[in-house]
Amino acid sequence: MAHLWVQSEGSWQAQRLGAAQGGFGDSVLRVRGDGLGGMREDAPSMTGPRLIWSDAGGSRAWALVTPWGSDVRVNGRAVVAGLRVLDDRDEIRTDDGARCYFSAEMPATVEEFPAPERPVFCGRCRQQIDVGMPAVRCPSCGVWYNQSAELPCWTYSDKCTFCGQATALDAGFAWAPED
């Protein structure tokens, strides 16, 4: 799940972006720099910069929408035509000077394996992962692993077999903004 890094009381805090419902734009967040964490949920009819999301082929994309004439910037550049699809680690500066960072990084979590379109095999043991089995999807490369008492494939090694992502379930985020 994507999140914003915002400064609160002198330190950077990750605030998870919503969008639990399906569709387009069901979760609209107003970006503001008021010292309360940099964002809040508002009604979709509001004015000001907004973060919206869309599911495209099972992949969630986030975009920043800004009103005409605003001075919101992403990585130091103006938001052309009021729309910018965000990438991991993009810096957002609002009209009032607030700064935050968008991040697509997700910590590894054990979850029930969803129903796939075709069979999926564990990245370590190569056994098929069945619907509802406890599994972990590597946050970096997307490879699925079994993760149960019988098959602790994700935590078996300290790194993902394919990309080197740390496999500790309590590792937290690999990246955070620096001042």
C-alpha atoms as a PDB file:
ATOM      1  CA  MET A   1       0.000   0.000   0.000  1.00  0.00           C
ATOM      2  CA  ALA A   2       1.347   3.416  -0.940  1.00  0.00           C
ATOM      3  CA  HIS A   3       2.046   6.081   1.663  1.00  0.00           C
ATOM      4  CA  LEU A   4       3.182   9.666   2.116  1.00  0.00           C
ATOM      5  CA  TRP A   5       6.209  10.582   4.180  1.00  0.00           C
ATOM      6  CA  VAL A   6       5.328  13.771   6.071  1.00  0.00           C
ATOM      7  CA  GLN A   7       7.246  15.759   8.668  1.00  0.00           C
ATOM      8  CA  SER A   8       5.677  15.820  12.081  1.00  0.00           C
ATOM      9  CA  GLU A   9       7.435  17.389  15.053  1.00  0.00           C
ATOM     10  CA  GLY A  10      10.795  17.298  13.285  1.00  0.00           C
ATOM     11  CA  SER A  11      10.792  13.685  12.135  1.00  0.00           C
ATOM     12  CA  TRP A  12       9.493  11.908   9.040  1.00  0.00           C
ATOM     13  CA  GLN A  13       6.410   9.733   9.523  1.00  0.00           C
ATOM     14  CA  ALA A  14       4.834   7.356   6.995  1.00  0.00           C
ATOM     15  CA  GLN A  15       1.089   7.885   6.563  1.00  0.00           C
ATOM     16  CA  ARG A  16      -0.675   5.105   4.710  1.00  0.00           C
ATOM     17  CA  LEU A  17      -2.806   6.162   1.779  1.00  0.00           C
ATOM     18  CA  GLY A  18      -6.308   4.680   1.811  1.00  0.00           C
ATOM     19  CA  ALA A  19      -8.176   3.385  -1.223  1.00  0.00           C
ATOM     20  CA  ALA A  20      -9.557   0.179   0.212  1.00  0.00           C
ATOM     21  CA  GLN A  21     -12.518   0.332  -2.146  1.00  0.00           C
ATOM     22  CA  GLY A  22     -12.313  -0.562  -5.828  1.00  0.00           C
ATOM     23  CA  GLY A  23     -12.676   1.706  -8.828  1.00  0.00           C
ATOM     24  CA  PHE A  24     -11.230   5.105  -9.586  1.00  0.00           C
ATOM     25  CA  GLY A  25     -10.859   8.005  -7.227  1.00  0.00           C
ATOM     26  CA  ASP A  26     -12.786   6.529  -4.317  1.00  0.00           C
ATOM     27  CA  SER A  27     -10.125   7.808  -1.957  1.00  0.00           C
ATOM     28  CA  VAL A  28      -9.315  11.481  -2.388  1.00  0.00           C
ATOM     29  CA  LEU A  29      -6.855  13.121  -0.043  1.00  0.00           C
ATOM     30  CA  ARG A  30      -6.138  16.793   0.260  1.00  0.00           C
ATOM     31  CA  VAL A  31      -2.445  17.603   0.538  1.00  0.00           C
ATOM     32  CA  ARG A  32      -1.778  20.534   2.855  1.00  0.00           C
ATOM     33  CA  GLY A  33       0.980  21.753   5.079  1.00  0.00           C
ATOM     34  CA  ASP A  34      -0.628  22.519   8.406  1.00  0.00           C
ATOM     35  CA  GLY A  35       1.771  20.754  10.725  1.00  0.00           C
ATOM     36  CA  LEU A  36      -0.737  17.957  11.318  1.00  0.00           C
ATOM     37  CA  GLY A  37       0.960  15.443   9.097  1.00  0.00           C
ATOM     38  CA  GLY A  38       0.450  17.042   5.697  1.00  0.00           C
ATOM     39  CA  MET A  39      -2.777  15.409   4.546  1.00  0.00           C
ATOM     40  CA  ARG A  40      -6.369  14.682   5.430  1.00  0.00           C
ATOM     41  CA  GLU A  41      -9.368  13.012   3.882  1.00  0.00           C
ATOM     42  CA  ASP A  42     -11.836  15.442   2.388  1.00  0.00           C
ATOM     43  CA  ALA A  43     -14.879  15.384   0.183  1.00  0.00           C
ATOM     44  CA  PRO A  44     -14.090  14.912  -3.530  1.00  0.00           C
ATOM     45  CA  SER A  45     -15.588  18.342  -4.354  1.00  0.00           C
ATOM     46  CA  MET A  46     -12.878  20.276  -2.505  1.00  0.00           C
ATOM     47  CA  THR A  47     -10.386  22.626  -4.070  1.00  0.00           C
ATOM     48  CA  GLY A  48      -6.629  22.329  -3.713  1.00  0.00           C
ATOM     49  CA  PRO A  49      -4.161  19.593  -4.626  1.00  0.00           C
ATOM     50  CA  ARG A  50      -5.525  16.057  -4.368  1.00  0.00           C
ATOM     51  CA  LEU A  51      -4.139  12.547  -4.519  1.00  0.00           C
ATOM     52  CA  ILE A  52      -6.309  10.116  -6.433  1.00  0.00           C
ATOM     53  CA  TRP A  53      -5.801   6.486  -7.366  1.00  0.00           C
ATOM     54  CA  SER A  54      -6.852   4.059 -10.033  1.00  0.00           C
ATOM     55  CA  ASP A  55      -6.567   0.296 -10.374  1.00  0.00           C
ATOM     56  CA  ALA A  56      -5.243  -0.629 -13.789  1.00  0.00           C
ATOM     57  CA  GLY A  57      -4.862  -4.325 -14.466  1.00  0.00           C
ATOM     58  CA  GLY A  58      -4.426  -5.124 -10.771  1.00  0.00           C
ATOM     59  CA  SER A  59      -1.758  -2.460 -10.323  1.00  0.00           C
ATOM     60  CA  ARG A  60      -2.669   0.644  -8.329  1.00  0.00           C
ATOM     61  CA  ALA A  61      -1.448   3.972  -9.690  1.00  0.00           C
ATOM     62  CA  TRP A  62      -1.547   7.269  -7.782  1.00  0.00           C
ATOM     63  CA  ALA A  63      -1.783  10.719  -9.325  1.00  0.00           C
ATOM     64  CA  LEU A  64      -1.568  14.268  -8.025  1.00  0.00           C
ATOM     65  CA  VAL A  65      -4.270  16.607  -9.331  1.00  0.00           C
ATOM     66  CA  THR A  66      -3.748  20.336  -8.835  1.00  0.00           C
ATOM     67  CA  PRO A  67      -6.059  23.292  -9.485  1.00  0.00           C
ATOM     68  CA  TRP A  68      -5.343  25.719 -12.293  1.00  0.00           C
ATOM     69  CA  GLY A  69      -2.722  28.300 -11.324  1.00  0.00           C
ATOM     70  CA  SER A  70      -1.394  26.523  -8.253  1.00  0.00           C
ATOM     71  CA  ASP A  71       2.321  26.390  -7.519  1.00  0.00           C
ATOM     72  CA  VAL A  72       2.430  22.739  -6.442  1.00  0.00           C
ATOM     73  CA  ARG A  73       5.647  21.063  -7.569  1.00  0.00           C
ATOM     74  CA  VAL A  74       6.808  17.474  -7.930  1.00  0.00           C
ATOM     75  CA  ASN A  75      10.575  17.029  -7.783  1.00  0.00           C
ATOM     76  CA  GLY A  76      10.959  20.784  -8.258  1.00  0.00           C
ATOM     77  CA  ARG A  77       8.888  20.938 -11.459  1.00  0.00           C
ATOM     78  CA  ALA A  78       5.444  22.427 -11.958  1.00  0.00           C
ATOM     79  CA  VAL A  79       2.576  19.986 -12.416  1.00  0.00           C
ATOM     80  CA  VAL A  80       1.828  20.333 -16.143  1.00  0.00           C
ATOM     81  CA  ALA A  81      -1.887  20.546 -17.021  1.00  0.00           C
ATOM     82  CA  GLY A  82      -2.732  19.897 -13.366  1.00  0.00           C
ATOM     83  CA  LEU A  83      -1.998  16.153 -13.424  1.00  0.00           C
ATOM     84  CA  ARG A  84       1.052  14.110 -12.486  1.00  0.00           C
ATOM     85  CA  VAL A  85       1.254  10.334 -12.087  1.00  0.00           C
ATOM     86  CA  LEU A  86       3.468   9.728  -9.089  1.00  0.00           C
ATOM     87  CA  ASP A  87       6.529   7.507  -8.880  1.00  0.00           C
ATOM     88  CA  ASP A  88       8.189   6.078  -5.799  1.00  0.00           C
ATOM     89  CA  ARG A  89      10.097   8.745  -3.811  1.00  0.00           C
ATOM     90  CA  ASP A  90       8.599  11.759  -5.612  1.00  0.00           C
ATOM     91  CA  GLU A  91       8.890  14.964  -3.566  1.00  0.00           C
ATOM     92  CA  ILE A  92       5.693  17.053  -3.439  1.00  0.00           C
ATOM     93  CA  ARG A  93       5.812  20.726  -2.403  1.00  0.00           C
ATOM     94  CA  THR A  94       2.493  22.476  -1.880  1.00  0.00           C
ATOM     95  CA  ASP A  95       1.543  26.130  -2.416  1.00  0.00           C
ATOM     96  CA  ASP A  96       2.076  26.832   1.280  1.00  0.00           C
ATOM     97  CA  GLY A  97       5.600  25.360   1.248  1.00  0.00           C
ATOM     98  CA  ALA A  98       4.796  22.024   2.868  1.00  0.00           C
ATOM     99  CA  ARG A  99       6.945  19.136   1.688  1.00  0.00           C
ATOM    100  CA  CYS A 100       6.116  15.436   1.606  1.00  0.00           C
ATOM    101  CA  TYR A 101       7.264  12.378  -0.312  1.00  0.00           C
ATOM    102  CA  PHE A 102       5.145   9.802  -2.097  1.00  0.00           C
ATOM    103  CA  SER A 103       6.300   6.220  -1.676  1.00  0.00           C
ATOM    104  CA  ALA A 104       5.016   3.051  -3.305  1.00  0.00           C
ATOM    105  CA  GLU A 105       7.144   0.879  -1.017  1.00  0.00           C
ATOM    106  CA  MET A 106       5.210  -1.751   0.892  1.00  0.00           C
ATOM    107  CA  PRO A 107       6.490  -3.737   3.848  1.00  0.00           C
ATOM    108  CA  ALA A 108       6.272  -7.514   3.498  1.00  0.00           C
ATOM    109  CA  THR A 109       3.203  -8.941   5.220  1.00  0.00           C
ATOM    110  CA  VAL A 110       1.697 -12.393   5.510  1.00  0.00           C
ATOM    111  CA  GLU A 111      -1.718 -12.519   3.863  1.00  0.00           C
ATOM    112  CA  GLU A 112      -4.149 -15.040   2.464  1.00  0.00           C
ATOM    113  CA  PHE A 113      -3.150 -15.883  -1.088  1.00  0.00           C
ATOM    114  CA  PRO A 114      -5.762 -14.431  -3.492  1.00  0.00           C
ATOM    115  CA  ALA A 115      -7.358 -16.288  -6.398  1.00  0.00           C
ATOM    116  CA  PRO A 116      -4.903 -16.009  -9.311  1.00  0.00           C
ATOM    117  CA  GLU A 117      -5.755 -16.172 -13.018  1.00  0.00           C
ATOM    118  CA  ARG A 118      -3.268 -19.041 -13.424  1.00  0.00           C
ATOM    119  CA  PRO A 119      -1.297 -21.261 -11.028  1.00  0.00           C
ATOM    120  CA  VAL A 120       1.403 -19.503  -8.986  1.00  0.00           C
ATOM    121  CA  PHE A 121       4.392 -21.339  -7.559  1.00  0.00           C
ATOM    122  CA  CYS A 122       6.443 -20.402  -4.504  1.00  0.00           C
ATOM    123  CA  GLY A 123       9.688 -18.581  -5.256  1.00  0.00           C
ATOM    124  CA  ARG A 124      11.631 -20.860  -2.920  1.00  0.00           C
ATOM    125  CA  CYS A 125      10.060 -24.354  -2.664  1.00  0.00           C
ATOM    126  CA  ARG A 126       8.371 -24.218  -6.112  1.00  0.00           C
ATOM    127  CA  GLN A 127       5.146 -25.756  -4.752  1.00  0.00           C
ATOM    128  CA  GLN A 128       1.872 -24.329  -6.044  1.00  0.00           C
ATOM    129  CA  ILE A 129       0.370 -21.752  -3.682  1.00  0.00           C
ATOM    130  CA  ASP A 130      -3.323 -22.462  -3.161  1.00  0.00           C
ATOM    131  CA  VAL A 131      -6.043 -19.860  -2.601  1.00  0.00           C
ATOM    132  CA  GLY A 132      -6.274 -18.884   1.072  1.00  0.00           C
ATOM    133  CA  MET A 133      -2.842 -20.206   2.047  1.00  0.00           C
ATOM    134  CA  PRO A 134      -0.638 -17.844   4.110  1.00  0.00           C
ATOM    135  CA  ALA A 135       1.807 -16.242   1.720  1.00  0.00           C
ATOM    136  CA  VAL A 136       4.027 -13.191   1.263  1.00  0.00           C
ATOM    137  CA  ARG A 137       4.453 -11.196  -1.944  1.00  0.00           C
ATOM    138  CA  CYS A 138       7.914  -9.680  -2.194  1.00  0.00           C
ATOM    139  CA  PRO A 139       7.448  -5.889  -2.062  1.00  0.00           C
ATOM    140  CA  SER A 140      10.287  -5.330  -4.530  1.00  0.00           C
ATOM    141  CA  CYS A 141       9.884  -7.925  -7.282  1.00  0.00           C
ATOM    142  CA  GLY A 142       6.367  -9.276  -6.664  1.00  0.00           C
ATOM    143  CA  VAL A 143       7.295 -12.978  -6.413  1.00  0.00           C
ATOM    144  CA  TRP A 144       4.994 -14.950  -4.086  1.00  0.00           C
ATOM    145  CA  TYR A 145       6.321 -17.192  -1.287  1.00  0.00           C
ATOM    146  CA  ASN A 146       4.630 -19.648   1.081  1.00  0.00           C
ATOM    147  CA  GLN A 147       4.811 -18.471   4.697  1.00  0.00           C
ATOM    148  CA  SER A 148       3.411 -20.847   7.295  1.00  0.00           C
ATOM    149  CA  ALA A 149       4.780 -22.963  10.144  1.00  0.00           C
ATOM    150  CA  GLU A 150       5.105 -25.882   7.707  1.00  0.00           C
ATOM    151  CA  LEU A 151       6.470 -23.841   4.790  1.00  0.00           C
ATOM    152  CA  PRO A 152       8.342 -20.720   6.045  1.00  0.00           C
ATOM    153  CA  CYS A 153       9.678 -19.996   2.562  1.00  0.00           C
ATOM    154  CA  TRP A 154       9.731 -16.172   2.781  1.00  0.00           C
ATOM    155  CA  THR A 155      11.657 -16.061   6.060  1.00  0.00           C
ATOM    156  CA  TYR A 156      13.819 -19.117   5.280  1.00  0.00           C
ATOM    157  CA  SER A 157      16.627 -16.865   4.040  1.00  0.00           C
ATOM    158  CA  ASP A 158      17.483 -13.276   4.957  1.00  0.00           C
ATOM    159  CA  LYS A 159      16.917 -12.082   1.358  1.00  0.00           C
ATOM    160  CA  CYS A 160      14.462 -12.677  -1.491  1.00  0.00           C
ATOM    161  CA  THR A 161      15.737 -15.305  -3.906  1.00  0.00           C
ATOM    162  CA  PHE A 162      15.189 -13.036  -6.914  1.00  0.00           C
ATOM    163  CA  CYS A 163      15.901  -9.441  -5.904  1.00  0.00           C
ATOM    164  CA  GLY A 164      17.701  -9.305  -2.558  1.00  0.00           C
ATOM    165  CA  GLN A 165      14.823  -7.674  -0.617  1.00  0.00           C
ATOM    166  CA  ALA A 166      15.189  -8.244   3.143  1.00  0.00           C
ATOM    167  CA  THR A 167      12.768 -10.938   4.337  1.00  0.00           C
ATOM    168  CA  ALA A 168      12.320  -9.993   7.997  1.00  0.00           C
ATOM    169  CA  LEU A 169       8.604  -9.432   8.551  1.00  0.00           C
ATOM    170  CA  ASP A 170       9.356  -6.636  11.025  1.00  0.00           C
ATOM    171  CA  ALA A 171      11.968  -4.902   8.852  1.00  0.00           C
ATOM    172  CA  GLY A 172       9.793  -1.835   8.188  1.00  0.00           C
ATOM    173  CA  PHE A 173      10.554   0.492   5.298  1.00  0.00           C
ATOM    174  CA  ALA A 174      13.859   0.320   3.441  1.00  0.00           C
ATOM    175  CA  TRP A 175      13.705   4.027   2.518  1.00  0.00           C
ATOM    176  CA  ALA A 176      12.813   7.187   4.408  1.00  0.00           C
ATOM    177  CA  PRO A 177      13.475  10.835   3.479  1.00  0.00           C
ATOM    178  CA  GLU A 178      16.507  12.600   4.911  1.00  0.00           C
ATOM    179  CA  ASP A 179      16.835  16.245   5.834  1.00  0.00           C
END
